[in-house]
Amino acid sequence: MIAIINYKMGNLRSVEKAFKRIDEPCIVTSDHNEIASADKILLPGVGHFKNGMNELEKLGLVKLIKELTLDKRKPFLGICLGMQLLSKFSEEGDAEGLSLIDAQTKKFPDLGHLKVPHIGWNTIDRKLEHPIFDGIAAEKQFYFVHSYYVESTQRENVLTETEYGTRFTSSVIKDNIIGVQFHPEKSHQQGLKLLKNFASIHV
């Protein structure tokens, strides 16, 4: 069972529907016992970094997430804002994050002719091999919607990079913890394959 954490920050149902399409059992929940008993945990998210951290704090989920990822080492996937929240700090609200990845979340600079937020399809340049991308051709594109990006300070945590006026970390990995800036639930068959791979991961 995959627990999709409900902290009132968007795209919960679209992620749930994606798992149902690939016949993987999941539950959308903020209940501590349900999250703790799940085999894997997913933190989705659309919206403001500081608001997201505030909601996690209100629900008492920060401590639980750290316990389950660091101590219990359960497979964990953060999507979009969910990936950014893995970082230590964000310029969006000048807020501290979960600090599960040694990284900062930064606002896109002025990119000239390129619009911010970065919205649309883009390729990902794989820096490491990982089962999360098994069976997905390197040229496949994924769907992005974001105004902030993660900058990892540790190269060994950079799973993929993407170019949009500047090069940014588009997915991260640290042991059992994975984050993707793009939206797999909106990325057609390659996105569903990524979610299927996550459901099959054993740490």
N, C-alpha and C. Protein backbone atom coordinates (compact mmCIF):
# COMPACT_ATOMS: atom_id res chain seq x y z
N MET A 1 0.84 -1.20 0.00
CA MET A 1 0.00 0.00 0.00
C MET A 1 0.87 1.25 0.00
N ILE A 2 0.51 2.21 -0.84
CA ILE A 2 1.21 3.49 -0.90
C ILE A 2 0.36 4.55 -0.23
N ALA A 3 0.94 5.26 0.73
CA ALA A 3 0.24 6.34 1.40
C ALA A 3 0.59 7.66 0.71
N ILE A 4 -0.43 8.33 0.17
CA ILE A 4 -0.28 9.65 -0.43
C ILE A 4 -0.64 10.66 0.65
N ILE A 5 0.34 11.43 1.10
CA ILE A 5 0.12 12.32 2.24
C ILE A 5 -0.78 13.48 1.86
N ASN A 6 -1.85 13.63 2.61
CA ASN A 6 -2.81 14.72 2.39
C ASN A 6 -2.48 15.86 3.36
N TYR A 7 -1.91 16.93 2.81
CA TYR A 7 -1.62 18.10 3.64
C TYR A 7 -2.16 19.38 2.98
N LYS A 8 -3.24 19.19 2.20
CA LYS A 8 -4.01 20.29 1.62
C LYS A 8 -3.23 21.10 0.59
N MET A 9 -2.27 20.46 -0.09
CA MET A 9 -1.45 21.20 -1.04
C MET A 9 -1.54 20.62 -2.46
N GLY A 10 -2.74 20.46 -2.96
CA GLY A 10 -2.95 20.19 -4.38
C GLY A 10 -2.65 18.81 -4.91
N ASN A 11 -3.09 18.56 -6.08
CA ASN A 11 -2.89 17.41 -6.97
C ASN A 11 -2.98 16.02 -6.32
N LEU A 12 -3.66 15.92 -5.19
CA LEU A 12 -3.80 14.64 -4.51
C LEU A 12 -4.58 13.62 -5.33
N ARG A 13 -5.71 14.06 -5.84
CA ARG A 13 -6.58 13.12 -6.55
C ARG A 13 -6.01 12.69 -7.88
N SER A 14 -5.27 13.57 -8.55
CA SER A 14 -4.68 13.19 -9.83
C SER A 14 -3.59 12.13 -9.61
N VAL A 15 -2.86 12.23 -8.51
CA VAL A 15 -1.87 11.21 -8.19
C VAL A 15 -2.56 9.90 -7.83
N GLU A 16 -3.62 9.99 -7.05
CA GLU A 16 -4.40 8.79 -6.68
C GLU A 16 -4.94 8.10 -7.93
N LYS A 17 -5.49 8.88 -8.86
CA LYS A 17 -6.04 8.31 -10.10
C LYS A 17 -4.96 7.62 -10.92
N ALA A 18 -3.75 8.21 -10.93
CA ALA A 18 -2.65 7.61 -11.68
C ALA A 18 -2.30 6.23 -11.13
N PHE A 19 -2.26 6.09 -9.81
CA PHE A 19 -1.97 4.78 -9.23
C PHE A 19 -3.09 3.78 -9.51
N LYS A 20 -4.31 4.27 -9.53
CA LYS A 20 -5.42 3.37 -9.85
C LYS A 20 -5.33 2.87 -11.29
N ARG A 21 -4.84 3.73 -12.19
CA ARG A 21 -4.69 3.35 -13.60
C ARG A 21 -3.68 2.23 -13.75
N ILE A 22 -2.69 2.17 -12.87
CA ILE A 22 -1.68 1.12 -12.97
C ILE A 22 -1.91 0.00 -11.95
N ASP A 23 -3.12 0.01 -11.37
CA ASP A 23 -3.55 -1.06 -10.45
C ASP A 23 -2.63 -1.21 -9.24
N GLU A 24 -2.20 -0.06 -8.69
CA GLU A 24 -1.40 -0.09 -7.47
C GLU A 24 -2.24 0.48 -6.33
N PRO A 25 -2.41 -0.29 -5.25
CA PRO A 25 -3.23 0.18 -4.13
C PRO A 25 -2.61 1.39 -3.45
N CYS A 26 -3.46 2.38 -3.16
CA CYS A 26 -2.98 3.59 -2.49
C CYS A 26 -4.09 4.18 -1.64
N ILE A 27 -3.70 5.07 -0.74
CA ILE A 27 -4.68 5.75 0.10
C ILE A 27 -4.22 7.19 0.28
N VAL A 28 -5.16 8.13 0.16
CA VAL A 28 -4.88 9.54 0.43
C VAL A 28 -5.22 9.79 1.89
N THR A 29 -4.23 10.20 2.68
CA THR A 29 -4.47 10.25 4.12
C THR A 29 -3.51 11.20 4.84
N SER A 30 -3.95 11.70 5.97
CA SER A 30 -3.06 12.43 6.88
C SER A 30 -3.00 11.71 8.23
N ASP A 31 -3.62 10.53 8.30
CA ASP A 31 -3.65 9.74 9.52
C ASP A 31 -2.28 9.11 9.78
N HIS A 32 -1.74 9.36 10.95
CA HIS A 32 -0.39 8.88 11.27
C HIS A 32 -0.27 7.37 11.20
N ASN A 33 -1.25 6.66 11.69
CA ASN A 33 -1.19 5.20 11.70
C ASN A 33 -1.24 4.64 10.29
N GLU A 34 -2.08 5.23 9.44
CA GLU A 34 -2.18 4.76 8.05
C GLU A 34 -0.88 5.03 7.30
N ILE A 35 -0.29 6.18 7.53
CA ILE A 35 0.97 6.50 6.86
C ILE A 35 2.08 5.57 7.36
N ALA A 36 2.14 5.37 8.65
CA ALA A 36 3.19 4.54 9.24
C ALA A 36 3.09 3.08 8.81
N SER A 37 1.89 2.61 8.56
CA SER A 37 1.70 1.21 8.19
C SER A 37 1.84 0.97 6.69
N ALA A 38 1.95 2.03 5.90
CA ALA A 38 2.08 1.88 4.45
C ALA A 38 3.46 1.33 4.09
N ASP A 39 3.54 0.66 2.94
CA ASP A 39 4.82 0.13 2.46
C ASP A 39 5.71 1.24 1.90
N LYS A 40 5.06 2.23 1.28
CA LYS A 40 5.77 3.34 0.65
C LYS A 40 4.99 4.62 0.89
N ILE A 41 5.68 5.75 0.80
CA ILE A 41 5.06 7.04 1.10
C ILE A 41 5.32 8.00 -0.05
N LEU A 42 4.29 8.76 -0.40
CA LEU A 42 4.41 9.75 -1.47
C LEU A 42 3.94 11.10 -0.95
N LEU A 43 4.76 12.14 -1.18
CA LEU A 43 4.42 13.50 -0.81
C LEU A 43 4.24 14.31 -2.09
N PRO A 44 2.99 14.55 -2.50
CA PRO A 44 2.75 15.35 -3.70
C PRO A 44 2.80 16.83 -3.33
N GLY A 45 2.30 17.68 -4.18
CA GLY A 45 2.22 19.08 -3.77
C GLY A 45 2.26 20.07 -4.90
N VAL A 46 1.40 21.07 -4.79
CA VAL A 46 1.39 22.23 -5.67
C VAL A 46 1.15 23.43 -4.77
N GLY A 47 1.97 24.47 -4.89
CA GLY A 47 1.72 25.64 -4.06
C GLY A 47 2.97 26.19 -3.42
N HIS A 48 2.77 26.93 -2.33
CA HIS A 48 3.81 27.73 -1.67
C HIS A 48 4.58 26.89 -0.66
N PHE A 49 5.90 26.98 -0.71
CA PHE A 49 6.78 26.18 0.15
C PHE A 49 6.47 26.38 1.63
N LYS A 50 6.45 27.63 2.09
CA LYS A 50 6.23 27.89 3.51
C LYS A 50 4.87 27.39 3.96
N ASN A 51 3.84 27.57 3.13
CA ASN A 51 2.51 27.06 3.47
C ASN A 51 2.53 25.55 3.59
N GLY A 52 3.27 24.90 2.69
CA GLY A 52 3.37 23.45 2.75
C GLY A 52 4.01 22.98 4.04
N MET A 53 5.10 23.61 4.44
CA MET A 53 5.75 23.23 5.70
C MET A 53 4.84 23.52 6.89
N ASN A 54 4.12 24.63 6.83
CA ASN A 54 3.20 24.96 7.93
C ASN A 54 2.12 23.90 8.08
N GLU A 55 1.59 23.44 6.95
CA GLU A 55 0.54 22.40 6.99
C GLU A 55 1.09 21.09 7.54
N LEU A 56 2.29 20.72 7.12
CA LEU A 56 2.91 19.50 7.65
C LEU A 56 3.13 19.60 9.16
N GLU A 57 3.56 20.78 9.60
CA GLU A 57 3.76 20.99 11.04
C GLU A 57 2.45 20.89 11.81
N LYS A 58 1.39 21.54 11.29
CA LYS A 58 0.08 21.51 11.95
C LYS A 58 -0.42 20.09 12.13
N LEU A 59 -0.15 19.26 11.14
CA LEU A 59 -0.64 17.88 11.16
C LEU A 59 0.31 16.95 11.92
N GLY A 60 1.40 17.49 12.42
CA GLY A 60 2.37 16.67 13.14
C GLY A 60 3.10 15.69 12.26
N LEU A 61 3.24 16.02 10.96
CA LEU A 61 3.79 15.07 10.01
C LEU A 61 5.29 15.21 9.78
N VAL A 62 5.87 16.33 10.19
CA VAL A 62 7.30 16.51 9.97
C VAL A 62 8.10 15.44 10.71
N LYS A 63 7.81 15.29 11.99
CA LYS A 63 8.52 14.29 12.79
C LYS A 63 8.27 12.88 12.26
N LEU A 64 7.02 12.61 11.86
CA LEU A 64 6.68 11.27 11.36
C LEU A 64 7.42 10.97 10.06
N ILE A 65 7.44 11.93 9.15
CA ILE A 65 8.13 11.73 7.87
C ILE A 65 9.61 11.43 8.11
N LYS A 66 10.23 12.18 8.99
CA LYS A 66 11.65 11.96 9.27
C LYS A 66 11.89 10.59 9.90
N GLU A 67 11.00 10.21 10.79
CA GLU A 67 11.13 8.90 11.43
C GLU A 67 11.02 7.77 10.41
N LEU A 68 10.03 7.88 9.52
CA LEU A 68 9.77 6.80 8.56
C LEU A 68 10.83 6.74 7.47
N THR A 69 11.38 7.91 7.09
CA THR A 69 12.39 7.91 6.03
C THR A 69 13.79 7.63 6.55
N LEU A 70 14.15 8.23 7.66
CA LEU A 70 15.51 8.11 8.18
C LEU A 70 15.71 6.89 9.07
N ASP A 71 14.74 6.59 9.90
CA ASP A 71 14.88 5.46 10.82
C ASP A 71 14.33 4.16 10.22
N LYS A 72 13.11 4.22 9.71
CA LYS A 72 12.48 3.02 9.14
C LYS A 72 12.91 2.78 7.70
N ARG A 73 13.46 3.84 7.05
CA ARG A 73 13.97 3.75 5.68
C ARG A 73 12.93 3.25 4.68
N LYS A 74 11.73 3.77 4.83
CA LYS A 74 10.68 3.42 3.88
C LYS A 74 10.89 4.18 2.57
N PRO A 75 10.61 3.55 1.42
CA PRO A 75 10.70 4.26 0.14
C PRO A 75 9.79 5.48 0.14
N PHE A 76 10.33 6.60 -0.28
CA PHE A 76 9.62 7.88 -0.20
C PHE A 76 9.81 8.62 -1.52
N LEU A 77 8.72 9.16 -2.06
CA LEU A 77 8.77 9.92 -3.30
C LEU A 77 8.10 11.27 -3.11
N GLY A 78 8.85 12.35 -3.36
CA GLY A 78 8.29 13.69 -3.35
C GLY A 78 8.10 14.19 -4.77
N ILE A 79 6.94 14.77 -5.05
CA ILE A 79 6.62 15.27 -6.39
C ILE A 79 6.43 16.78 -6.35
N CYS A 80 7.11 17.50 -7.24
CA CYS A 80 7.00 18.95 -7.40
C CYS A 80 7.29 19.67 -6.07
N LEU A 81 6.30 20.30 -5.46
CA LEU A 81 6.52 20.91 -4.15
C LEU A 81 7.01 19.87 -3.16
N GLY A 82 6.52 18.65 -3.30
CA GLY A 82 6.97 17.56 -2.42
C GLY A 82 8.45 17.29 -2.52
N MET A 83 9.04 17.49 -3.70
CA MET A 83 10.49 17.39 -3.84
C MET A 83 11.17 18.58 -3.19
N GLN A 84 10.66 19.78 -3.43
CA GLN A 84 11.28 20.98 -2.88
C GLN A 84 11.30 20.95 -1.36
N LEU A 85 10.26 20.39 -0.76
CA LEU A 85 10.18 20.31 0.70
C LEU A 85 11.26 19.40 1.30
N LEU A 86 11.88 18.56 0.48
CA LEU A 86 12.97 17.71 0.95
C LEU A 86 14.22 18.53 1.27
N SER A 87 14.31 19.73 0.70
CA SER A 87 15.51 20.55 0.84
C SER A 87 15.61 21.18 2.23
N LYS A 88 16.75 21.81 2.47
CA LYS A 88 16.99 22.43 3.78
C LYS A 88 16.29 23.77 3.93
N PHE A 89 16.17 24.49 2.82
CA PHE A 89 15.67 25.87 2.90
C PHE A 89 15.12 26.29 1.54
N SER A 90 14.12 27.18 1.56
CA SER A 90 13.57 27.72 0.32
C SER A 90 13.50 29.24 0.37
N GLU A 91 13.80 29.86 -0.76
CA GLU A 91 13.62 31.30 -0.90
C GLU A 91 12.15 31.68 -0.94
N GLU A 92 11.30 30.70 -1.18
CA GLU A 92 9.86 30.96 -1.20
C GLU A 92 9.34 30.99 0.24
N GLY A 93 9.24 32.18 0.79
CA GLY A 93 8.82 32.34 2.18
C GLY A 93 9.96 32.29 3.17
N ASP A 94 11.21 32.21 2.66
CA ASP A 94 12.38 32.12 3.56
C ASP A 94 12.14 31.09 4.65
N ALA A 95 11.82 29.88 4.22
CA ALA A 95 11.38 28.84 5.16
C ALA A 95 12.33 27.65 5.17
N GLU A 96 12.47 27.03 6.33
CA GLU A 96 13.22 25.79 6.45
C GLU A 96 12.37 24.63 5.96
N GLY A 97 13.05 23.65 5.33
CA GLY A 97 12.35 22.47 4.82
C GLY A 97 12.58 21.26 5.71
N LEU A 98 12.35 20.08 5.15
CA LEU A 98 12.49 18.83 5.89
C LEU A 98 13.95 18.45 6.10
N SER A 99 14.85 19.02 5.30
CA SER A 99 16.29 18.77 5.41
C SER A 99 16.64 17.29 5.22
N LEU A 100 15.92 16.63 4.33
CA LEU A 100 16.22 15.24 4.01
C LEU A 100 17.24 15.12 2.88
N ILE A 101 17.39 16.21 2.12
CA ILE A 101 18.38 16.29 1.06
C ILE A 101 19.20 17.56 1.29
N ASP A 102 20.50 17.48 1.08
CA ASP A 102 21.36 18.65 1.24
C ASP A 102 21.21 19.53 0.00
N ALA A 103 20.23 20.44 0.04
CA ALA A 103 19.90 21.25 -1.12
C ALA A 103 19.15 22.50 -0.68
N GLN A 104 19.09 23.46 -1.58
CA GLN A 104 18.33 24.69 -1.38
C GLN A 104 17.29 24.81 -2.49
N THR A 105 16.16 25.43 -2.20
CA THR A 105 15.14 25.70 -3.21
C THR A 105 15.20 27.18 -3.55
N LYS A 106 15.41 27.48 -4.83
CA LYS A 106 15.64 28.85 -5.27
C LYS A 106 14.63 29.27 -6.34
N LYS A 107 14.40 30.58 -6.43
CA LYS A 107 13.52 31.13 -7.45
C LYS A 107 14.29 31.24 -8.76
N PHE A 108 13.61 30.91 -9.86
CA PHE A 108 14.24 31.11 -11.16
C PHE A 108 14.65 32.57 -11.31
N PRO A 109 15.85 32.83 -11.83
CA PRO A 109 16.25 34.21 -12.11
C PRO A 109 15.50 34.72 -13.34
N ASP A 110 15.71 35.96 -13.69
CA ASP A 110 15.17 36.51 -14.93
C ASP A 110 15.78 35.74 -16.09
N LEU A 111 14.94 35.04 -16.85
CA LEU A 111 15.42 34.19 -17.94
C LEU A 111 15.23 34.83 -19.31
N GLY A 112 15.02 36.15 -19.31
CA GLY A 112 14.88 36.85 -20.58
C GLY A 112 13.60 36.47 -21.30
N HIS A 113 13.75 35.82 -22.45
CA HIS A 113 12.58 35.49 -23.28
C HIS A 113 11.80 34.30 -22.73
N LEU A 114 12.37 33.58 -21.76
CA LEU A 114 11.68 32.42 -21.20
C LEU A 114 10.78 32.85 -20.05
N LYS A 115 9.57 32.31 -20.04
CA LYS A 115 8.60 32.68 -19.02
C LYS A 115 8.80 31.88 -17.74
N VAL A 116 8.51 32.53 -16.63
CA VAL A 116 8.45 31.87 -15.32
C VAL A 116 7.04 32.10 -14.79
N PRO A 117 6.32 31.04 -14.39
CA PRO A 117 6.81 29.69 -14.14
C PRO A 117 7.16 28.91 -15.41
N HIS A 118 8.02 27.95 -15.22
CA HIS A 118 8.37 26.98 -16.25
C HIS A 118 7.20 26.00 -16.35
N ILE A 119 6.50 26.09 -17.46
CA ILE A 119 5.32 25.23 -17.67
C ILE A 119 5.47 24.51 -19.00
N GLY A 120 5.35 23.19 -18.95
CA GLY A 120 5.35 22.42 -20.19
C GLY A 120 6.29 21.22 -20.14
N TRP A 121 6.51 20.66 -21.33
CA TRP A 121 7.27 19.42 -21.46
C TRP A 121 8.75 19.71 -21.61
N ASN A 122 9.57 18.90 -20.96
CA ASN A 122 11.00 19.07 -21.05
C ASN A 122 11.70 17.72 -20.83
N THR A 123 12.90 17.62 -21.38
CA THR A 123 13.68 16.40 -21.21
C THR A 123 14.41 16.42 -19.86
N ILE A 124 14.86 15.26 -19.45
CA ILE A 124 15.65 15.14 -18.23
C ILE A 124 16.96 14.44 -18.59
N ASP A 125 18.04 15.01 -18.15
CA ASP A 125 19.38 14.49 -18.42
C ASP A 125 19.81 13.63 -17.24
N ARG A 126 19.85 12.34 -17.45
CA ARG A 126 20.14 11.43 -16.34
C ARG A 126 21.62 11.46 -15.96
N LYS A 127 21.88 11.66 -14.69
CA LYS A 127 23.23 11.70 -14.16
C LYS A 127 23.60 10.40 -13.45
N LEU A 128 22.58 9.66 -13.00
CA LEU A 128 22.78 8.39 -12.33
C LEU A 128 21.78 7.38 -12.87
N GLU A 129 22.14 6.13 -12.80
CA GLU A 129 21.20 5.06 -13.13
C GLU A 129 20.43 4.70 -11.86
N HIS A 130 19.12 4.55 -12.02
CA HIS A 130 18.29 4.20 -10.86
C HIS A 130 17.04 3.47 -11.34
N PRO A 131 16.54 2.50 -10.56
CA PRO A 131 15.35 1.73 -10.97
C PRO A 131 14.10 2.58 -11.22
N ILE A 132 14.06 3.81 -10.67
CA ILE A 132 12.88 4.64 -10.88
C ILE A 132 12.67 4.96 -12.35
N PHE A 133 13.75 4.89 -13.16
CA PHE A 133 13.66 5.16 -14.60
C PHE A 133 13.75 3.91 -15.47
N ASP A 134 13.67 2.74 -14.86
CA ASP A 134 13.71 1.50 -15.63
C ASP A 134 12.61 1.47 -16.68
N GLY A 135 12.96 1.11 -17.91
CA GLY A 135 11.97 0.97 -18.97
C GLY A 135 11.49 2.27 -19.57
N ILE A 136 12.12 3.40 -19.21
CA ILE A 136 11.74 4.70 -19.75
C ILE A 136 12.87 5.20 -20.64
N ALA A 137 12.57 5.41 -21.91
CA ALA A 137 13.59 5.84 -22.87
C ALA A 137 14.16 7.20 -22.47
N ALA A 138 15.45 7.38 -22.70
CA ALA A 138 16.14 8.60 -22.27
C ALA A 138 15.57 9.86 -22.90
N GLU A 139 15.00 9.73 -24.11
CA GLU A 139 14.50 10.93 -24.80
C GLU A 139 13.09 11.33 -24.37
N LYS A 140 12.45 10.54 -23.53
CA LYS A 140 11.09 10.86 -23.11
C LYS A 140 11.05 12.15 -22.30
N GLN A 141 10.00 12.94 -22.52
CA GLN A 141 9.85 14.20 -21.80
C GLN A 141 8.84 14.07 -20.68
N PHE A 142 8.96 14.96 -19.69
CA PHE A 142 8.06 14.99 -18.55
C PHE A 142 7.48 16.39 -18.40
N TYR A 143 6.34 16.48 -17.71
CA TYR A 143 5.60 17.74 -17.62
C TYR A 143 5.96 18.50 -16.35
N PHE A 144 6.34 19.76 -16.52
CA PHE A 144 6.76 20.62 -15.41
C PHE A 144 5.81 21.80 -15.21
N VAL A 145 5.63 22.21 -13.96
CA VAL A 145 4.96 23.46 -13.61
C VAL A 145 5.61 23.97 -12.32
N HIS A 146 6.50 24.97 -12.43
CA HIS A 146 7.16 25.46 -11.21
C HIS A 146 7.87 26.79 -11.46
N SER A 147 7.94 27.59 -10.40
CA SER A 147 8.66 28.87 -10.42
C SER A 147 9.94 28.80 -9.60
N TYR A 148 10.08 27.75 -8.80
CA TYR A 148 11.26 27.55 -7.97
C TYR A 148 11.88 26.20 -8.34
N TYR A 149 13.16 26.07 -8.09
CA TYR A 149 13.86 24.84 -8.44
C TYR A 149 14.82 24.47 -7.32
N VAL A 150 15.18 23.21 -7.30
CA VAL A 150 16.09 22.70 -6.27
C VAL A 150 17.53 22.74 -6.79
N GLU A 151 18.42 23.23 -5.95
CA GLU A 151 19.85 23.22 -6.26
C GLU A 151 20.53 22.36 -5.22
N SER A 152 20.98 21.20 -5.64
CA SER A 152 21.63 20.27 -4.71
C SER A 152 23.09 20.64 -4.54
N THR A 153 23.57 20.57 -3.30
CA THR A 153 24.98 20.85 -3.03
C THR A 153 25.83 19.59 -3.10
N GLN A 154 25.19 18.44 -3.23
CA GLN A 154 25.89 17.16 -3.30
C GLN A 154 25.62 16.49 -4.64
N ARG A 155 26.65 16.34 -5.46
CA ARG A 155 26.46 15.76 -6.80
C ARG A 155 25.93 14.33 -6.73
N GLU A 156 26.27 13.62 -5.67
CA GLU A 156 25.81 12.23 -5.58
C GLU A 156 24.30 12.12 -5.35
N ASN A 157 23.65 13.24 -5.03
CA ASN A 157 22.20 13.24 -4.86
C ASN A 157 21.44 13.66 -6.12
N VAL A 158 22.17 14.08 -7.16
CA VAL A 158 21.52 14.57 -8.39
C VAL A 158 21.24 13.39 -9.31
N LEU A 159 19.97 13.08 -9.44
CA LEU A 159 19.55 11.96 -10.29
C LEU A 159 19.41 12.42 -11.74
N THR A 160 18.77 13.58 -11.95
CA THR A 160 18.65 14.15 -13.30
C THR A 160 18.76 15.67 -13.22
N GLU A 161 19.11 16.25 -14.37
CA GLU A 161 19.10 17.70 -14.52
C GLU A 161 18.27 18.08 -15.75
N THR A 162 17.77 19.30 -15.74
CA THR A 162 16.97 19.80 -16.86
C THR A 162 17.40 21.23 -17.17
N GLU A 163 17.33 21.58 -18.45
CA GLU A 163 17.72 22.90 -18.91
C GLU A 163 16.47 23.75 -19.16
N TYR A 164 16.40 24.90 -18.48
CA TYR A 164 15.36 25.89 -18.77
C TYR A 164 15.94 27.27 -18.46
N GLY A 165 16.73 27.78 -19.39
CA GLY A 165 17.42 29.03 -19.16
C GLY A 165 18.62 28.87 -18.26
N THR A 166 18.51 27.97 -17.32
CA THR A 166 19.59 27.58 -16.41
C THR A 166 19.45 26.08 -16.17
N ARG A 167 20.53 25.44 -15.79
CA ARG A 167 20.44 24.01 -15.47
C ARG A 167 20.02 23.85 -14.02
N PHE A 168 19.01 23.01 -13.80
CA PHE A 168 18.56 22.78 -12.43
C PHE A 168 18.38 21.29 -12.18
N THR A 169 18.36 20.94 -10.92
CA THR A 169 18.16 19.54 -10.52
C THR A 169 16.69 19.19 -10.67
N SER A 170 16.39 18.25 -11.57
CA SER A 170 14.99 17.89 -11.80
C SER A 170 14.57 16.61 -11.09
N SER A 171 15.53 15.89 -10.54
CA SER A 171 15.18 14.80 -9.61
C SER A 171 16.39 14.50 -8.73
N VAL A 172 16.10 14.05 -7.53
CA VAL A 172 17.14 13.79 -6.54
C VAL A 172 16.97 12.39 -5.95
N ILE A 173 18.07 11.90 -5.40
CA ILE A 173 18.05 10.59 -4.76
C ILE A 173 18.99 10.61 -3.56
N LYS A 174 18.53 10.06 -2.46
CA LYS A 174 19.40 9.82 -1.32
C LYS A 174 18.87 8.59 -0.59
N ASP A 175 19.56 7.48 -0.81
CA ASP A 175 19.15 6.21 -0.22
C ASP A 175 17.71 5.87 -0.62
N ASN A 176 16.79 5.84 0.32
CA ASN A 176 15.39 5.47 0.06
C ASN A 176 14.52 6.66 -0.33
N ILE A 177 15.11 7.85 -0.42
CA ILE A 177 14.35 9.08 -0.66
C ILE A 177 14.57 9.56 -2.09
N ILE A 178 13.47 9.77 -2.81
CA ILE A 178 13.51 10.23 -4.20
C ILE A 178 12.63 11.47 -4.32
N GLY A 179 13.07 12.43 -5.11
CA GLY A 179 12.23 13.59 -5.40
C GLY A 179 12.26 13.88 -6.89
N VAL A 180 11.12 14.23 -7.46
CA VAL A 180 11.05 14.63 -8.87
C VAL A 180 10.34 15.98 -8.97
N GLN A 181 10.94 16.91 -9.70
CA GLN A 181 10.33 18.23 -9.86
C GLN A 181 9.14 18.20 -10.80
N PHE A 182 9.19 17.32 -11.78
CA PHE A 182 8.10 17.20 -12.76
C PHE A 182 6.93 16.42 -12.18
N HIS A 183 5.85 16.40 -12.92
CA HIS A 183 4.63 15.71 -12.50
C HIS A 183 4.47 14.39 -13.27
N PRO A 184 4.84 13.25 -12.69
CA PRO A 184 4.64 11.99 -13.40
C PRO A 184 3.17 11.69 -13.68
N GLU A 185 2.30 12.14 -12.77
CA GLU A 185 0.86 11.86 -12.96
C GLU A 185 0.27 12.62 -14.15
N LYS A 186 1.02 13.59 -14.70
CA LYS A 186 0.58 14.35 -15.87
C LYS A 186 1.46 14.09 -17.09
N SER A 187 2.33 13.08 -16.97
CA SER A 187 3.35 12.85 -18.00
C SER A 187 3.11 11.59 -18.83
N HIS A 188 1.85 11.30 -19.10
CA HIS A 188 1.47 10.20 -19.99
C HIS A 188 2.07 8.86 -19.54
N GLN A 189 2.40 8.01 -20.51
CA GLN A 189 2.81 6.65 -20.18
C GLN A 189 4.14 6.60 -19.44
N GLN A 190 5.07 7.51 -19.79
CA GLN A 190 6.35 7.50 -19.09
C GLN A 190 6.20 7.88 -17.62
N GLY A 191 5.23 8.75 -17.34
CA GLY A 191 4.96 9.12 -15.96
C GLY A 191 4.34 7.97 -15.18
N LEU A 192 3.41 7.27 -15.82
CA LEU A 192 2.80 6.10 -15.17
C LEU A 192 3.84 5.01 -14.94
N LYS A 193 4.76 4.86 -15.89
CA LYS A 193 5.82 3.86 -15.73
C LYS A 193 6.70 4.22 -14.54
N LEU A 194 7.01 5.50 -14.37
CA LEU A 194 7.81 5.92 -13.23
C LEU A 194 7.11 5.60 -11.91
N LEU A 195 5.81 5.87 -11.85
CA LEU A 195 5.05 5.56 -10.63
C LEU A 195 5.00 4.05 -10.39
N LYS A 196 4.89 3.28 -11.47
CA LYS A 196 4.91 1.82 -11.35
C LYS A 196 6.26 1.36 -10.82
N ASN A 197 7.33 1.97 -11.31
CA ASN A 197 8.66 1.62 -10.83
C ASN A 197 8.80 1.94 -9.34
N PHE A 198 8.27 3.09 -8.93
CA PHE A 198 8.32 3.43 -7.51
C PHE A 198 7.57 2.40 -6.67
N ALA A 199 6.43 1.99 -7.15
CA ALA A 199 5.63 1.00 -6.42
C ALA A 199 6.36 -0.35 -6.30
N SER A 200 7.32 -0.58 -7.19
CA SER A 200 8.03 -1.87 -7.21
C SER A 200 9.38 -1.81 -6.51
N ILE A 201 9.80 -0.63 -6.10
CA ILE A 201 11.14 -0.47 -5.50
C ILE A 201 11.22 -1.16 -4.15
N HIS A 202 12.36 -1.82 -3.94
CA HIS A 202 12.67 -2.41 -2.64
C HIS A 202 13.98 -1.80 -2.17
N VAL A 203 13.98 -1.29 -0.97
CA VAL A 203 15.20 -0.65 -0.43
C VAL A 203 15.93 -1.62 0.49
